């Protein structure tokens, strides 16, 4: 990839347009097409402000093994459809003792660099969002610096960020802030969102999974983040947490966590409509509604919860305009408002899902392919959703379209934000190729799945250990754990 100087403006713009450059007039509204140039990095001056900051590339890694959820239902002795229909899950990615958080992050970074012909020298910021902790001091980011050794580039800012499933999104925001700040030196930012999600035996176990997404960020990008519209909600909750540092398994109250997720949808989406309307609408008092979002991507603990969240967005729209004829079928539920009862009334929940069923199929399901077939990936989940969308949708379906994104992490931290597709996503489709790659995985039995979890639990704190997992079915280019020495130091090889 040839990197050239990027166009920049001489000052920070207060214009409502999403992109400004010195070579192209700014569009008058955020819905107009943006002129995109392929430049990623280049020389800058202290007064310059990079234009069209967003995502240049995405790479998605998932384990080579999976367990079928229908078979897991039979193995667990639960009713047919409990996992596949009740949770909306089809398959779940599985890791044995050969993979850890370091290895999956190394794999996704190296694959992105190779697929896009990027030099490690052109990366000036690297941050990892994860809640999979194997060392209480050493960051995953420092392990990833081993990939930079040959380039001689050690001038790379950023470390790890942790808060349940939100760490990847926080890292993306930090990377965008770096590019848009006086600290930016003209190079690219790289974020890795990755986790291995596993649960103790019980009702939460089928909501596990594993994955890693690498996100390359810089100016003049094809996926441009909307400025000034991030809507965040944070509070102190005990819905999901990991107090046992010797175990991968969390302490989780599933029903409560689902309610916390929906409460944050209410808070974040409502604030997003206000911020977006104030910044981009001709009439700031007229709040935008969800029909202004061409696609939506959600953090997906399970796919059924995503459907409920999308229905909840419609509920919020209806509360803003209950007399509108379009809401006649659900107007009877307006009296609930945002009361405590509204979060537990099943008739309201079903009505909102039915009301949004058609739009959900069109605008949300394309982003759920990875979640349905790999499972929950914690910090990587929402970014695997975006990867699924751009991997499967055509330019006609995406160009000049706006994508709403909701990220949630227990504890809790949540943000609703948006981006716009301003140029072709052909390169994303070519390099991600998610459906074809998922089809090449190896299915394991539920018995083997349970055995892998037991093996990981038994070896989580060991030293002087040689992993025993089979590497023959690993995809080419996958890093794996070779050994943990007598001082707990880990070494890796690449398949």
Protein backbone atom coordinates (compact mmCIF):
# COMPACT_ATOMS: atom_id res chain seq x y z
CA UNK A 1 0.00 0.00 0.00
CA UNK A 2 1.43 3.34 -1.06
CA UNK A 3 0.98 6.02 1.57
CA UNK A 4 0.89 9.67 0.59
CA UNK A 5 0.19 13.01 2.23
CA UNK A 6 -3.39 13.44 3.40
CA UNK A 7 -5.40 16.57 2.74
CA UNK A 8 -6.14 18.60 5.84
CA UNK A 9 -7.89 21.81 6.68
CA UNK A 10 -6.11 24.71 8.34
CA UNK A 11 -8.32 24.73 11.42
CA UNK A 12 -10.92 22.77 13.30
CA UNK A 13 -14.25 23.23 11.59
CA UNK A 14 -17.49 24.06 13.36
CA UNK A 15 -19.45 23.24 10.23
CA UNK A 16 -22.05 20.46 10.52
CA UNK A 17 -20.49 18.58 7.61
CA UNK A 18 -18.76 15.32 8.43
CA UNK A 19 -15.73 15.94 6.23
CA UNK A 20 -13.68 18.99 5.28
CA UNK A 21 -10.58 19.13 3.14
CA UNK A 22 -8.61 21.89 1.49
CA UNK A 23 -9.09 20.34 -1.93
CA UNK A 24 -12.82 19.60 -1.89
CA UNK A 25 -15.69 21.88 -0.74
CA UNK A 26 -17.45 20.54 2.33
CA UNK A 27 -20.92 19.07 1.76
CA UNK A 28 -23.70 21.24 3.11
CA UNK A 29 -25.45 18.37 4.89
CA UNK A 30 -24.21 15.10 6.37
CA UNK A 31 -26.33 13.12 3.90
CA UNK A 32 -24.45 14.31 0.81
CA UNK A 33 -21.76 12.11 -0.74
CA UNK A 34 -18.23 12.71 0.52
CA UNK A 35 -15.22 12.98 -1.70
CA UNK A 36 -12.81 10.25 -0.64
CA UNK A 37 -9.10 10.11 -1.31
CA UNK A 38 -7.10 6.94 -0.67
CA UNK A 39 -4.40 8.66 1.38
CA UNK A 40 -4.01 7.34 4.91
CA UNK A 41 -1.04 9.07 6.47
CA UNK A 42 1.25 11.95 5.74
CA UNK A 43 2.95 15.09 6.96
CA UNK A 44 0.94 17.51 9.07
CA UNK A 45 1.32 20.88 10.73
CA UNK A 46 0.41 21.75 14.29
CA UNK A 47 -2.66 23.71 13.16
CA UNK A 48 -4.07 21.09 10.81
CA UNK A 49 -7.13 18.97 11.46
CA UNK A 50 -7.44 15.62 9.67
CA UNK A 51 -10.58 15.14 7.62
CA UNK A 52 -12.88 12.12 7.34
CA UNK A 53 -11.42 10.27 10.33
CA UNK A 54 -12.69 6.73 10.40
CA UNK A 55 -12.03 3.10 9.57
CA UNK A 56 -9.72 2.11 6.71
CA UNK A 57 -9.68 -1.62 7.32
CA UNK A 58 -11.15 -4.35 9.50
CA UNK A 59 -9.81 -7.83 10.15
CA UNK A 60 -11.76 -10.48 12.03
CA UNK A 61 -10.35 -13.62 13.65
CA UNK A 62 -12.38 -16.49 15.11
CA UNK A 63 -11.35 -19.97 16.34
CA UNK A 64 -11.10 -22.83 13.86
CA UNK A 65 -13.35 -25.02 16.04
CA UNK A 66 -17.05 -24.61 16.81
CA UNK A 67 -19.83 -26.46 18.58
CA UNK A 68 -23.35 -26.68 17.17
CA UNK A 69 -25.93 -25.10 19.48
CA UNK A 70 -28.70 -27.55 18.54
CA UNK A 71 -26.41 -30.42 19.52
CA UNK A 72 -25.51 -28.57 22.71
CA UNK A 73 -29.22 -28.30 23.55
CA UNK A 74 -29.52 -32.10 23.36
CA UNK A 75 -26.32 -32.61 25.34
CA UNK A 76 -27.46 -30.23 28.08
CA UNK A 77 -30.90 -31.83 28.23
CA UNK A 78 -32.81 -28.61 27.57
CA UNK A 79 -35.82 -28.15 25.31
CA UNK A 80 -35.17 -27.96 21.58
CA UNK A 81 -34.84 -24.34 20.49
CA UNK A 82 -33.79 -22.96 23.87
CA UNK A 83 -30.42 -21.83 22.51
CA UNK A 84 -31.15 -21.66 18.79
CA UNK A 85 -34.48 -19.83 19.01
CA UNK A 86 -34.60 -18.49 22.55
CA UNK A 87 -31.11 -16.97 22.29
CA UNK A 88 -30.87 -16.80 18.49
CA UNK A 89 -27.57 -18.70 18.46
CA UNK A 90 -26.59 -21.30 15.84
CA UNK A 91 -22.94 -22.10 16.53
CA UNK A 92 -20.28 -21.12 19.09
CA UNK A 93 -16.55 -20.68 18.61
CA UNK A 94 -14.34 -22.87 20.81
CA UNK A 95 -10.75 -22.47 22.03
CA UNK A 96 -8.59 -25.15 23.63
CA UNK A 97 -5.35 -24.57 25.56
CA UNK A 98 -3.46 -23.58 22.39
CA UNK A 99 -5.09 -20.15 22.21
CA UNK A 100 -5.09 -17.28 24.66
CA UNK A 101 -5.75 -13.56 24.45
CA UNK A 102 -2.19 -12.85 23.27
CA UNK A 103 -2.31 -15.38 20.44
CA UNK A 104 -5.65 -14.30 18.98
CA UNK A 105 -4.57 -10.63 19.08
CA UNK A 106 -1.28 -11.46 17.36
CA UNK A 107 -3.14 -13.37 14.68
CA UNK A 108 -5.63 -10.62 13.87
CA UNK A 109 -2.97 -7.88 13.76
CA UNK A 110 -0.56 -9.83 11.58
CA UNK A 111 -3.36 -10.84 9.21
CA UNK A 112 -4.55 -7.25 8.83
CA UNK A 113 -1.06 -5.96 8.11
CA UNK A 114 -0.42 -8.64 5.50
CA UNK A 115 -3.80 -8.44 3.77
CA UNK A 116 -3.59 -4.67 3.42
CA UNK A 117 0.15 -4.44 2.75
CA UNK A 118 0.71 -2.04 5.64
CA UNK A 119 4.10 -1.26 7.15
CA UNK A 120 4.37 -1.51 10.93
CA UNK A 121 6.30 1.75 10.68
CA UNK A 122 3.09 3.52 9.64
CA UNK A 123 1.32 2.66 12.92
CA UNK A 124 1.77 5.29 15.62
CA UNK A 125 -0.95 4.23 18.04
CA UNK A 126 -1.98 0.75 19.18
CA UNK A 127 -4.53 0.03 21.87
CA UNK A 128 -6.13 -3.24 22.96
CA UNK A 129 -9.61 -3.52 24.43
CA UNK A 130 -10.09 -6.77 26.35
CA UNK A 131 -11.41 -8.25 29.59
CA UNK A 132 -9.55 -11.53 29.14
CA UNK A 133 -6.76 -11.11 31.66
CA UNK A 134 -3.82 -13.53 31.89
CA UNK A 135 -1.41 -11.12 33.57
CA UNK A 136 -2.22 -8.45 36.16
CA UNK A 137 0.67 -6.23 35.04
CA UNK A 138 1.87 -6.91 31.50
CA UNK A 139 -0.44 -5.64 28.77
CA UNK A 140 -1.43 -7.50 25.62
CA UNK A 141 -0.27 -4.42 23.71
CA UNK A 142 3.32 -5.02 24.82
CA UNK A 143 3.11 -8.60 23.54
CA UNK A 144 1.89 -7.26 20.19
CA UNK A 145 4.99 -5.08 20.01
CA UNK A 146 6.92 -8.28 19.22
CA UNK A 147 5.34 -8.01 15.76
CA UNK A 148 6.92 -4.56 15.36
CA UNK A 149 10.47 -5.70 16.14
CA UNK A 150 11.62 -6.23 12.56
CA UNK A 151 10.34 -2.80 11.49
CA UNK A 152 12.30 -1.09 14.27
CA UNK A 153 9.22 0.93 15.21
CA UNK A 154 8.94 1.28 19.00
CA UNK A 155 7.31 4.74 18.95
CA UNK A 156 3.75 3.47 19.37
CA UNK A 157 1.38 5.00 21.93
CA UNK A 158 -1.46 3.19 23.70
CA UNK A 159 -1.87 0.27 26.13
CA UNK A 160 -4.82 -1.94 27.18
CA UNK A 161 -8.30 -0.74 28.15
CA UNK A 162 -10.70 -2.73 30.33
CA UNK A 163 -14.35 -2.56 31.18
CA UNK A 164 -16.21 -5.75 30.36
CA UNK A 165 -17.41 -5.72 26.73
CA UNK A 166 -16.89 -1.96 26.30
CA UNK A 167 -13.08 -1.87 26.22
CA UNK A 168 -12.81 -2.19 22.44
CA UNK A 169 -15.15 0.73 21.85
CA UNK A 170 -13.31 2.87 24.41
CA UNK A 171 -10.08 2.02 22.58
CA UNK A 172 -11.59 3.07 19.25
CA UNK A 173 -12.65 6.39 20.75
CA UNK A 174 -9.16 6.88 22.17
CA UNK A 175 -7.64 6.16 18.77
CA UNK A 176 -9.98 8.59 17.00
CA UNK A 177 -9.21 11.22 19.64
CA UNK A 178 -5.47 10.71 19.04
CA UNK A 179 -5.83 11.18 15.29
CA UNK A 180 -7.95 14.31 15.82
CA UNK A 181 -5.61 15.79 18.44
CA UNK A 182 -2.43 17.87 18.53
CA UNK A 183 -0.59 14.65 19.47
CA UNK A 184 -1.19 13.07 16.06
CA UNK A 185 2.04 12.63 14.10
CA UNK A 186 0.47 11.71 10.76
CA UNK A 187 0.51 7.94 11.21
CA UNK A 188 -2.30 5.38 11.52
CA UNK A 189 -3.97 4.15 14.69
CA UNK A 190 -4.72 0.46 15.24
CA UNK A 191 -7.22 -0.92 17.75
CA UNK A 192 -7.66 -4.56 18.70
CA UNK A 193 -10.87 -5.70 20.39
CA UNK A 194 -10.58 -9.31 21.51
CA UNK A 195 -11.83 -11.78 24.09
CA UNK A 196 -12.37 -15.43 24.89
CA UNK A 197 -15.83 -15.69 26.47
CA UNK A 198 -16.49 -18.80 28.52
CA UNK A 199 -18.89 -19.65 31.32
CA UNK A 200 -19.24 -22.20 34.09
CA UNK A 201 -21.77 -24.97 33.59
CA UNK A 202 -25.25 -23.48 33.64
CA UNK A 203 -27.67 -21.33 31.64
CA UNK A 204 -25.02 -18.80 30.59
CA UNK A 205 -22.65 -21.35 29.01
CA UNK A 206 -24.28 -21.28 25.51
CA UNK A 207 -23.65 -17.51 25.34
CA UNK A 208 -19.88 -17.97 25.11
CA UNK A 209 -17.60 -17.59 22.11
CA UNK A 210 -14.29 -16.06 21.10
CA UNK A 211 -13.00 -13.59 18.54
CA UNK A 212 -10.74 -10.66 17.75
CA UNK A 213 -11.22 -7.65 15.48
CA UNK A 214 -8.46 -5.29 14.35
CA UNK A 215 -9.61 -1.80 13.37
CA UNK A 216 -7.34 0.50 11.35
CA UNK A 217 -8.12 4.17 11.90
CA UNK A 218 -6.96 7.29 10.09
CA UNK A 219 -8.03 10.27 7.98
CA UNK A 220 -9.76 10.08 4.58
CA UNK A 221 -11.40 6.78 5.47
CA UNK A 222 -14.25 4.99 3.69
CA UNK A 223 -16.15 4.60 6.99
CA UNK A 224 -16.27 8.03 8.64
CA UNK A 225 -17.27 8.54 12.27
CA UNK A 226 -19.92 11.21 12.81
CA UNK A 227 -18.47 13.93 15.00
CA UNK A 228 -20.05 15.24 18.18
CA UNK A 229 -22.81 12.64 18.49
CA UNK A 230 -21.42 9.99 20.85
CA UNK A 231 -24.07 9.44 23.52
CA UNK A 232 -22.76 7.69 26.62
CA UNK A 233 -24.38 6.30 29.76
CA UNK A 234 -22.33 4.96 32.66
CA UNK A 235 -23.30 3.82 36.14
CA UNK A 236 -22.38 1.45 38.97
CA UNK A 237 -23.94 -2.01 38.62
CA UNK A 238 -23.18 -5.61 39.55
CA UNK A 239 -24.75 -7.34 36.55
CA UNK A 240 -21.59 -9.13 35.32
CA UNK A 241 -18.11 -9.09 36.85
CA UNK A 242 -15.04 -11.27 37.39
CA UNK A 243 -13.92 -11.18 41.03
CA UNK A 244 -12.19 -14.57 40.90
CA UNK A 245 -8.88 -13.72 39.26
CA UNK A 246 -7.89 -17.38 39.07
CA UNK A 247 -10.88 -18.23 36.86
CA UNK A 248 -11.99 -17.27 33.34
CA UNK A 249 -15.60 -17.57 34.43
CA UNK A 250 -17.62 -14.48 35.39
CA UNK A 251 -20.19 -13.95 38.09
CA UNK A 252 -23.29 -12.98 36.15
CA UNK A 253 -26.95 -12.25 36.79
CA UNK A 254 -28.27 -12.86 33.29
CA UNK A 255 -31.77 -11.41 33.62
CA UNK A 256 -30.54 -8.34 35.45
CA UNK A 257 -27.75 -7.82 32.91
CA UNK A 258 -30.25 -7.95 30.05
CA UNK A 259 -32.34 -5.28 31.78
CA UNK A 260 -29.26 -3.12 32.34
CA UNK A 261 -28.46 -3.44 28.62
CA UNK A 262 -31.97 -2.25 27.64
CA UNK A 263 -31.93 0.60 30.18
CA UNK A 264 -28.70 1.82 28.58
CA UNK A 265 -30.28 1.57 25.12
CA UNK A 266 -32.97 3.98 26.37
CA UNK A 267 -30.44 6.41 27.84
CA UNK A 268 -27.92 6.32 24.98
CA UNK A 269 -30.33 6.31 22.04
CA UNK A 270 -32.45 9.13 23.49
CA UNK A 271 -29.35 11.26 24.02
CA UNK A 272 -28.02 10.35 20.57
CA UNK A 273 -31.19 11.63 18.88
CA UNK A 274 -30.78 14.94 20.71
CA UNK A 275 -27.07 15.32 19.93
CA UNK A 276 -27.43 14.29 16.30
CA UNK A 277 -30.42 16.57 15.71
CA UNK A 278 -28.72 19.53 17.36
CA UNK A 279 -25.61 19.11 15.23
CA UNK A 280 -27.00 18.03 11.88
CA UNK A 281 -30.73 18.76 11.59
CA UNK A 282 -31.94 21.98 9.99
CA UNK A 283 -34.45 22.09 12.83
CA UNK A 284 -32.54 20.97 15.95
CA UNK A 285 -35.77 20.70 17.95
CA UNK A 286 -37.07 17.99 15.61
CA UNK A 287 -35.46 14.81 16.88
CA UNK A 288 -34.34 12.22 14.38
CA UNK A 289 -35.89 8.78 14.49
CA UNK A 290 -34.47 5.36 13.81
CA UNK A 291 -35.57 5.44 10.17
CA UNK A 292 -32.71 7.89 9.58
CA UNK A 293 -30.28 5.06 10.38
CA UNK A 294 -29.87 2.82 7.34
CA UNK A 295 -28.24 0.02 9.34
CA UNK A 296 -27.76 -0.72 13.03
CA UNK A 297 -25.03 -2.72 14.77
CA UNK A 298 -25.31 -3.83 18.39
CA UNK A 299 -23.16 -5.48 21.00
CA UNK A 300 -24.55 -9.01 20.90
CA UNK A 301 -24.40 -11.08 24.12
CA UNK A 302 -27.02 -13.10 22.25
CA UNK A 303 -28.97 -12.28 19.12
CA UNK A 304 -32.40 -12.30 20.77
CA UNK A 305 -31.34 -9.45 23.06
CA UNK A 306 -30.32 -7.44 19.98
CA UNK A 307 -33.82 -7.83 18.54
CA UNK A 308 -35.29 -6.60 21.81
CA UNK A 309 -32.94 -3.61 21.79
CA UNK A 310 -33.94 -2.61 18.26
CA UNK A 311 -37.59 -2.80 19.28
CA UNK A 312 -36.80 -0.62 22.27
CA UNK A 313 -35.44 2.07 19.95
CA UNK A 314 -38.85 2.18 18.23
CA UNK A 315 -40.46 2.43 21.65
CA UNK A 316 -38.36 5.50 22.40
CA UNK A 317 -39.32 7.05 19.06
CA UNK A 318 -42.99 6.43 19.79
CA UNK A 319 -42.73 8.10 23.20
CA UNK A 320 -41.44 11.23 21.47
CA UNK A 321 -44.43 11.34 19.10
CA UNK A 322 -47.24 9.07 20.37
CA UNK A 323 -49.98 10.71 18.27
CA UNK A 324 -48.19 9.96 15.01
CA UNK A 325 -50.29 7.57 12.91
CA UNK A 326 -47.26 5.39 12.21
CA UNK A 327 -47.33 4.32 15.88
CA UNK A 328 -51.05 3.52 16.02
CA UNK A 329 -50.37 -0.20 16.52
CA UNK A 330 -48.22 0.36 19.61
CA UNK A 331 -49.62 3.60 21.00
CA UNK A 332 -51.41 1.70 23.79
CA UNK A 333 -48.04 1.09 25.45
CA UNK A 334 -47.11 4.77 25.73
CA UNK A 335 -48.47 4.94 29.28
CA UNK A 336 -45.54 2.83 30.49
CA UNK A 337 -43.11 5.63 29.52
CA UNK A 338 -39.72 4.72 31.02
CA UNK A 339 -41.19 3.26 34.19
CA UNK A 340 -39.67 0.26 35.91
CA UNK A 341 -42.61 -1.80 34.69
CA UNK A 342 -41.72 -1.04 31.06
CA UNK A 343 -38.57 -3.15 31.35
CA UNK A 344 -40.44 -6.25 32.47
CA UNK A 345 -43.74 -6.18 30.58
CA UNK A 346 -43.57 -9.04 28.06
CA UNK A 347 -46.52 -7.77 26.02
CA UNK A 348 -44.73 -4.47 25.44
CA UNK A 349 -41.53 -6.29 24.52
CA UNK A 350 -43.28 -8.60 22.04
CA UNK A 351 -45.23 -5.73 20.50
CA UNK A 352 -42.08 -3.72 19.83
CA UNK A 353 -40.30 -6.70 18.29
CA UNK A 354 -43.30 -7.37 16.06
CA UNK A 355 -43.59 -3.70 15.11
CA UNK A 356 -39.93 -3.58 13.99
CA UNK A 357 -39.75 -7.11 12.53
CA UNK A 358 -39.43 -6.04 8.89
CA UNK A 359 -36.88 -3.30 9.49
CA UNK A 360 -34.94 -5.56 11.85
CA UNK A 361 -34.52 -8.14 9.09
CA UNK A 362 -33.31 -5.49 6.68
CA UNK A 363 -31.22 -3.23 8.89
CA UNK A 364 -29.89 -5.43 11.72
CA UNK A 365 -29.71 -9.10 10.73
CA UNK A 366 -26.92 -8.49 8.14
CA UNK A 367 -24.68 -7.46 11.04
CA UNK A 368 -25.40 -10.58 13.11
CA UNK A 369 -23.79 -13.27 10.96
CA UNK A 370 -20.68 -13.50 13.11
CA UNK A 371 -22.60 -13.33 16.39
CA UNK A 372 -25.01 -16.07 15.28
CA UNK A 373 -22.23 -18.43 14.20
CA UNK A 374 -19.40 -17.61 16.64
CA UNK A 375 -21.23 -16.36 19.72
CA UNK A 376 -20.46 -13.63 22.21
CA UNK A 377 -16.96 -12.17 21.82
CA UNK A 378 -17.24 -9.53 24.57
CA UNK A 379 -15.22 -6.50 23.39
CA UNK A 380 -15.00 -7.83 19.83
CA UNK A 381 -18.75 -8.42 19.55
CA UNK A 382 -19.95 -5.06 18.23
CA UNK A 383 -16.94 -4.76 15.90
CA UNK A 384 -17.52 -8.27 14.56
CA UNK A 385 -21.04 -7.02 13.87
CA UNK A 386 -19.72 -4.12 11.81
CA UNK A 387 -17.35 -6.54 10.07
CA UNK A 388 -20.28 -8.82 9.21
CA UNK A 389 -22.19 -5.91 7.73
CA UNK A 390 -19.45 -4.60 5.47
CA UNK A 391 -18.33 -8.12 4.54
CA UNK A 392 -21.76 -9.14 3.28
CA UNK A 393 -23.40 -5.97 1.93
CA UNK A 394 -22.84 -4.53 -1.54
CA UNK A 395 -21.73 -1.00 -2.36
CA UNK A 396 -25.28 -0.28 -3.46
CA UNK A 397 -26.54 -1.27 -0.03
CA UNK A 398 -23.88 0.70 1.89
CA UNK A 399 -22.63 3.70 -0.07
CA UNK A 400 -23.71 7.01 1.50
CA UNK A 401 -25.59 5.08 4.19
CA UNK A 402 -25.44 5.80 7.91
CA UNK A 403 -24.81 3.06 10.49
CA UNK A 404 -25.95 3.41 14.09
CA UNK A 405 -23.78 1.50 16.58
CA UNK A 406 -24.60 0.55 20.17
CA UNK A 407 -21.85 -0.71 22.46
CA UNK A 408 -22.47 -2.00 25.99
CA UNK A 409 -20.18 -3.29 28.73
CA UNK A 410 -21.46 -4.54 32.06
CA UNK A 411 -20.76 -2.64 35.20
CA UNK A 412 -21.73 -0.54 33.22
CA UNK A 413 -20.57 1.56 30.27
CA UNK A 414 -22.50 2.13 27.04
CA UNK A 415 -22.44 4.43 24.02
CA UNK A 416 -24.60 4.94 20.95
CA UNK A 417 -22.75 6.54 18.02
CA UNK A 418 -22.76 6.48 14.24
CA UNK A 419 -20.65 6.44 11.12
CA UNK A 420 -21.25 7.01 7.43
CA UNK A 421 -20.03 4.95 4.48
CA UNK A 422 -18.55 7.50 2.08
CA UNK A 423 -16.81 5.30 -0.49
CA UNK A 424 -16.64 1.73 -1.78
CA UNK A 425 -16.36 -1.12 0.72
CA UNK A 426 -15.14 -3.60 -1.89
CA UNK A 427 -11.81 -4.03 -0.10
CA UNK A 428 -13.63 -4.93 3.13
CA UNK A 429 -15.61 -7.64 1.34
CA UNK A 430 -12.50 -9.06 -0.33
CA UNK A 431 -10.37 -9.24 2.81
CA UNK A 432 -12.98 -10.17 5.43
CA UNK A 433 -14.80 -12.89 3.44
CA UNK A 434 -16.49 -13.98 6.66
CA UNK A 435 -19.07 -16.46 5.35
CA UNK A 436 -16.55 -18.42 3.30
CA UNK A 437 -14.02 -18.56 6.14
CA UNK A 438 -16.60 -19.64 8.71
CA UNK A 439 -17.61 -22.51 6.44
CA UNK A 440 -14.07 -23.95 6.67
CA UNK A 441 -14.12 -24.46 10.45
CA UNK A 442 -14.09 -27.83 12.21
CA UNK A 443 -17.16 -28.90 14.19
CA UNK A 444 -16.51 -30.52 17.56
CA UNK A 445 -18.91 -32.49 19.73
CA UNK A 446 -20.47 -31.02 22.88
CA UNK A 447 -18.39 -33.55 24.85
CA UNK A 448 -15.20 -32.19 23.27
CA UNK A 449 -16.37 -28.62 23.93
CA UNK A 450 -16.85 -29.34 27.64
CA UNK A 451 -13.45 -31.04 27.67
CA UNK A 452 -11.75 -27.97 26.18
CA UNK A 453 -13.30 -25.75 28.85
CA UNK A 454 -12.14 -28.12 31.59
CA UNK A 455 -8.64 -28.17 30.12
CA UNK A 456 -8.48 -24.37 30.01
CA UNK A 457 -9.71 -24.18 33.61
CA UNK A 458 -7.14 -26.72 34.81
CA UNK A 459 -4.22 -24.98 33.10
CA UNK A 460 -5.14 -21.33 33.64
CA UNK A 461 -2.51 -20.72 36.32
CA UNK A 462 0.13 -23.32 35.52
CA UNK A 463 3.78 -22.76 34.68
CA UNK A 464 6.36 -24.99 33.02
CA UNK A 465 3.59 -26.23 30.73
CA UNK A 466 3.48 -27.48 27.15
CA UNK A 467 -0.05 -27.15 25.69
CA UNK A 468 -1.59 -30.31 24.29
CA UNK A 469 -4.27 -28.96 21.96
CA UNK A 470 -4.31 -30.15 18.32
CA UNK A 471 -2.96 -27.52 15.91
CA UNK A 472 -3.62 -29.48 12.71
CA UNK A 473 -6.97 -27.80 12.03
CA UNK A 474 -5.78 -24.25 12.67
CA UNK A 475 -6.07 -21.85 9.77
CA UNK A 476 -2.80 -20.87 8.13
CA UNK A 477 -1.33 -17.81 9.80
CA UNK A 478 -2.82 -18.51 13.23
CA UNK A 479 -0.57 -17.88 16.22
CA UNK A 480 -0.73 -20.46 19.00
CA UNK A 481 0.75 -20.96 22.45
CA UNK A 482 3.92 -23.05 22.29
CA UNK A 483 4.97 -23.06 25.94
CA UNK A 484 4.64 -21.44 29.35
CA UNK A 485 8.04 -21.60 31.04
CA UNK A 486 8.94 -21.91 34.72
CA UNK A 487 8.58 -18.13 35.15
CA UNK A 488 5.16 -18.00 33.47
CA UNK A 489 6.64 -16.47 30.31
CA UNK A 490 4.71 -17.42 27.19
CA UNK A 491 6.10 -18.15 23.73
CA UNK A 492 4.15 -18.47 20.50
CA UNK A 493 4.49 -19.99 17.04
CA UNK A 494 2.54 -19.39 13.85
CA UNK A 495 0.73 -22.11 11.92
